[in-house]
Amino acid sequence: MVKTIYKIVPRELWQEARAAGVFRGAPIDLKDGYIHFSTATQAVETARLYFAGEEDLLMVAVDATVFGDSLKWEPSRGGDLFPHLFADLPLNAVLWEKPLPLGADGTHAFPVEILEAP
């Protein structure tokens, strides 16, 4: 079972969540009715497809074990199962947050935790 899931989020939106004490989602999450997450192995492709060239992003690691039935694994890109949270994200479920800068080649430079994930 995957214990850590990841959310790529603009820094400004995350700062608003920290001030509010809860993350309710990015615009696409609010539109779809759930918060989109990725596993470590899915995060790089998620960044490439949906955040290409975007600066000032954060990678947020979240404890997937605390959500119970609110976290559903649903088929998405290529039939792969993606974690979708049908609830707000309480900040006490956040394990860490790290910058997701653009590298010299224009792609995002991921934290080592993502690159070395099994």
C-alpha atoms as a PDB file:
ATOM      1  CA  MET A   1       0.000   0.000   0.000  1.00  0.00           C
ATOM      2  CA  VAL A   2       1.252   3.484  -0.886  1.00  0.00           C
ATOM      3  CA  LYS A   3       1.753   5.458   2.304  1.00  0.00           C
ATOM      4  CA  THR A   4       2.808   8.811   0.840  1.00  0.00           C
ATOM      5  CA  ILE A   5       1.064  10.728  -1.940  1.00  0.00           C
ATOM      6  CA  TYR A   6       2.104  13.997  -3.538  1.00  0.00           C
ATOM      7  CA  LYS A   7       0.480  17.243  -4.613  1.00  0.00           C
ATOM      8  CA  ILE A   8       2.075  19.818  -6.896  1.00  0.00           C
ATOM      9  CA  VAL A   9       0.733  23.215  -5.937  1.00  0.00           C
ATOM     10  CA  PRO A  10       1.566  26.857  -6.678  1.00  0.00           C
ATOM     11  CA  ARG A  11       3.341  28.431  -3.698  1.00  0.00           C
ATOM     12  CA  GLU A  12       0.804  31.274  -3.422  1.00  0.00           C
ATOM     13  CA  LEU A  13      -2.130  28.848  -3.250  1.00  0.00           C
ATOM     14  CA  TRP A  14      -0.324  26.778  -0.619  1.00  0.00           C
ATOM     15  CA  GLN A  15       0.386  29.897   1.455  1.00  0.00           C
ATOM     16  CA  GLU A  16      -3.355  30.641   1.405  1.00  0.00           C
ATOM     17  CA  ALA A  17      -4.041  27.091   2.611  1.00  0.00           C
ATOM     18  CA  ARG A  18      -1.517  27.450   5.416  1.00  0.00           C
ATOM     19  CA  ALA A  19      -3.175  30.686   6.531  1.00  0.00           C
ATOM     20  CA  ALA A  20      -6.601  28.984   6.450  1.00  0.00           C
ATOM     21  CA  GLY A  21      -5.333  25.839   8.162  1.00  0.00           C
ATOM     22  CA  VAL A  22      -6.692  23.587   5.425  1.00  0.00           C
ATOM     23  CA  PHE A  23      -6.182  22.977   1.697  1.00  0.00           C
ATOM     24  CA  ARG A  24      -9.470  22.793  -0.181  1.00  0.00           C
ATOM     25  CA  GLY A  25      -7.871  22.290  -3.581  1.00  0.00           C
ATOM     26  CA  ALA A  26      -6.599  24.024  -6.680  1.00  0.00           C
ATOM     27  CA  PRO A  27      -9.106  25.275  -9.260  1.00  0.00           C
ATOM     28  CA  ILE A  28      -9.069  21.937 -11.130  1.00  0.00           C
ATOM     29  CA  ASP A  29      -9.681  20.074  -7.861  1.00  0.00           C
ATOM     30  CA  LEU A  30     -12.647  22.276  -7.005  1.00  0.00           C
ATOM     31  CA  LYS A  31     -14.046  21.780 -10.512  1.00  0.00           C
ATOM     32  CA  ASP A  32     -13.648  17.979 -10.396  1.00  0.00           C
ATOM     33  CA  GLY A  33     -14.925  17.605  -6.816  1.00  0.00           C
ATOM     34  CA  TYR A  34     -11.787  15.999  -5.361  1.00  0.00           C
ATOM     35  CA  ILE A  35      -8.124  16.804  -4.753  1.00  0.00           C
ATOM     36  CA  HIS A  36      -5.825  15.258  -7.354  1.00  0.00           C
ATOM     37  CA  PHE A  37      -2.686  13.550  -6.047  1.00  0.00           C
ATOM     38  CA  SER A  38       0.077  11.475  -7.602  1.00  0.00           C
ATOM     39  CA  THR A  39       2.297   8.709  -6.354  1.00  0.00           C
ATOM     40  CA  ALA A  40       6.048   9.229  -6.455  1.00  0.00           C
ATOM     41  CA  THR A  41       6.259   7.337  -9.740  1.00  0.00           C
ATOM     42  CA  GLN A  42       3.465   9.446 -11.280  1.00  0.00           C
ATOM     43  CA  ALA A  43       4.612  12.888 -10.095  1.00  0.00           C
ATOM     44  CA  VAL A  44       7.227  13.595 -12.775  1.00  0.00           C
ATOM     45  CA  GLU A  45       4.752  12.925 -15.596  1.00  0.00           C
ATOM     46  CA  THR A  46       2.076  14.962 -13.811  1.00  0.00           C
ATOM     47  CA  ALA A  47       4.469  17.915 -13.670  1.00  0.00           C
ATOM     48  CA  ARG A  48       5.392  17.495 -17.340  1.00  0.00           C
ATOM     49  CA  LEU A  49       1.776  17.316 -18.506  1.00  0.00           C
ATOM     50  CA  TYR A  50       0.069  19.868 -16.269  1.00  0.00           C
ATOM     51  CA  PHE A  51       2.748  22.205 -14.933  1.00  0.00           C
ATOM     52  CA  ALA A  52       5.253  22.507 -17.806  1.00  0.00           C
ATOM     53  CA  GLY A  53       7.303  25.682 -17.511  1.00  0.00           C
ATOM     54  CA  GLU A  54       5.521  26.836 -14.339  1.00  0.00           C
ATOM     55  CA  GLU A  55       7.675  28.414 -11.686  1.00  0.00           C
ATOM     56  CA  ASP A  56       7.148  28.911  -7.965  1.00  0.00           C
ATOM     57  CA  LEU A  57       5.648  25.485  -7.345  1.00  0.00           C
ATOM     58  CA  LEU A  58       5.857  23.278  -4.277  1.00  0.00           C
ATOM     59  CA  MET A  59       5.870  19.513  -3.954  1.00  0.00           C
ATOM     60  CA  VAL A  60       3.790  18.555  -0.939  1.00  0.00           C
ATOM     61  CA  ALA A  61       4.098  15.065   0.582  1.00  0.00           C
ATOM     62  CA  VAL A  62       0.999  13.789   2.357  1.00  0.00           C
ATOM     63  CA  ASP A  63       0.369  10.817   4.642  1.00  0.00           C
ATOM     64  CA  ALA A  64      -2.109   8.710   2.645  1.00  0.00           C
ATOM     65  CA  THR A  65      -2.929   6.478   5.623  1.00  0.00           C
ATOM     66  CA  VAL A  66      -5.042   9.044   7.480  1.00  0.00           C
ATOM     67  CA  PHE A  67      -7.928   9.490   5.037  1.00  0.00           C
ATOM     68  CA  GLY A  68      -9.840   6.219   5.205  1.00  0.00           C
ATOM     69  CA  ASP A  69     -12.659   6.015   2.666  1.00  0.00           C
ATOM     70  CA  SER A  70     -12.173   9.653   1.587  1.00  0.00           C
ATOM     71  CA  LEU A  71      -9.128   8.608  -0.453  1.00  0.00           C
ATOM     72  CA  LYS A  72     -10.064   6.658  -3.561  1.00  0.00           C
ATOM     73  CA  TRP A  73      -7.729   5.101  -6.126  1.00  0.00           C
ATOM     74  CA  GLU A  74      -9.245   5.692  -9.538  1.00  0.00           C
ATOM     75  CA  PRO A  75      -8.072   4.967 -13.075  1.00  0.00           C
ATOM     76  CA  SER A  76      -6.784   7.956 -14.962  1.00  0.00           C
ATOM     77  CA  ARG A  77      -3.867   8.575 -17.322  1.00  0.00           C
ATOM     78  CA  GLY A  78      -3.147   5.324 -19.174  1.00  0.00           C
ATOM     79  CA  GLY A  79      -5.401   3.352 -16.822  1.00  0.00           C
ATOM     80  CA  ASP A  80      -2.992   3.960 -13.931  1.00  0.00           C
ATOM     81  CA  LEU A  81      -4.657   4.267 -10.515  1.00  0.00           C
ATOM     82  CA  PHE A  82      -4.338   7.764  -9.055  1.00  0.00           C
ATOM     83  CA  PRO A  83      -5.157   8.888  -5.509  1.00  0.00           C
ATOM     84  CA  HIS A  84      -8.129  11.249  -5.321  1.00  0.00           C
ATOM     85  CA  LEU A  85      -9.151  12.814  -2.010  1.00  0.00           C
ATOM     86  CA  PHE A  86     -12.875  13.451  -1.669  1.00  0.00           C
ATOM     87  CA  ALA A  87     -12.403  15.798   1.295  1.00  0.00           C
ATOM     88  CA  ASP A  88     -10.384  18.823   2.317  1.00  0.00           C
ATOM     89  CA  LEU A  89      -6.727  18.225   3.084  1.00  0.00           C
ATOM     90  CA  PRO A  90      -5.988  18.947   6.750  1.00  0.00           C
ATOM     91  CA  LEU A  91      -2.501  20.350   7.089  1.00  0.00           C
ATOM     92  CA  ASN A  92      -1.652  17.913   9.892  1.00  0.00           C
ATOM     93  CA  ALA A  93      -1.545  15.187   7.193  1.00  0.00           C
ATOM     94  CA  VAL A  94       1.327  16.976   5.431  1.00  0.00           C
ATOM     95  CA  LEU A  95       4.698  15.275   5.912  1.00  0.00           C
ATOM     96  CA  TRP A  96       6.779  17.904   4.140  1.00  0.00           C
ATOM     97  CA  GLU A  97       6.734  20.589   1.469  1.00  0.00           C
ATOM     98  CA  LYS A  98       9.663  21.427  -0.780  1.00  0.00           C
ATOM     99  CA  PRO A  99      10.283  23.781  -3.696  1.00  0.00           C
ATOM    100  CA  LEU A 100       9.828  22.335  -7.182  1.00  0.00           C
ATOM    101  CA  PRO A 101      12.103  24.617  -9.210  1.00  0.00           C
ATOM    102  CA  LEU A 102      12.659  24.610 -12.922  1.00  0.00           C
ATOM    103  CA  GLY A 103      16.024  23.228 -13.950  1.00  0.00           C
ATOM    104  CA  ALA A 104      18.278  24.671 -16.651  1.00  0.00           C
ATOM    105  CA  ASP A 105      16.610  22.353 -19.173  1.00  0.00           C
ATOM    106  CA  GLY A 106      13.161  23.794 -18.396  1.00  0.00           C
ATOM    107  CA  THR A 107      11.897  20.710 -16.554  1.00  0.00           C
ATOM    108  CA  HIS A 108      11.225  20.578 -12.840  1.00  0.00           C
ATOM    109  CA  ALA A 109      13.965  19.499 -10.451  1.00  0.00           C
ATOM    110  CA  PHE A 110      12.335  17.000  -8.094  1.00  0.00           C
ATOM    111  CA  PRO A 111      13.251  16.348  -4.475  1.00  0.00           C
ATOM    112  CA  VAL A 112      15.376  13.254  -3.968  1.00  0.00           C
ATOM    113  CA  GLU A 113      12.458  11.543  -2.163  1.00  0.00           C
ATOM    114  CA  ILE A 114      10.578  11.438  -5.464  1.00  0.00           C
ATOM    115  CA  LEU A 115      13.502  10.407  -7.637  1.00  0.00           C
ATOM    116  CA  GLU A 116      14.546   7.576  -5.340  1.00  0.00           C
ATOM    117  CA  ALA A 117      11.050   6.237  -4.613  1.00  0.00           C
ATOM    118  CA  PRO A 118      10.578   2.529  -5.367  1.00  0.00           C
END
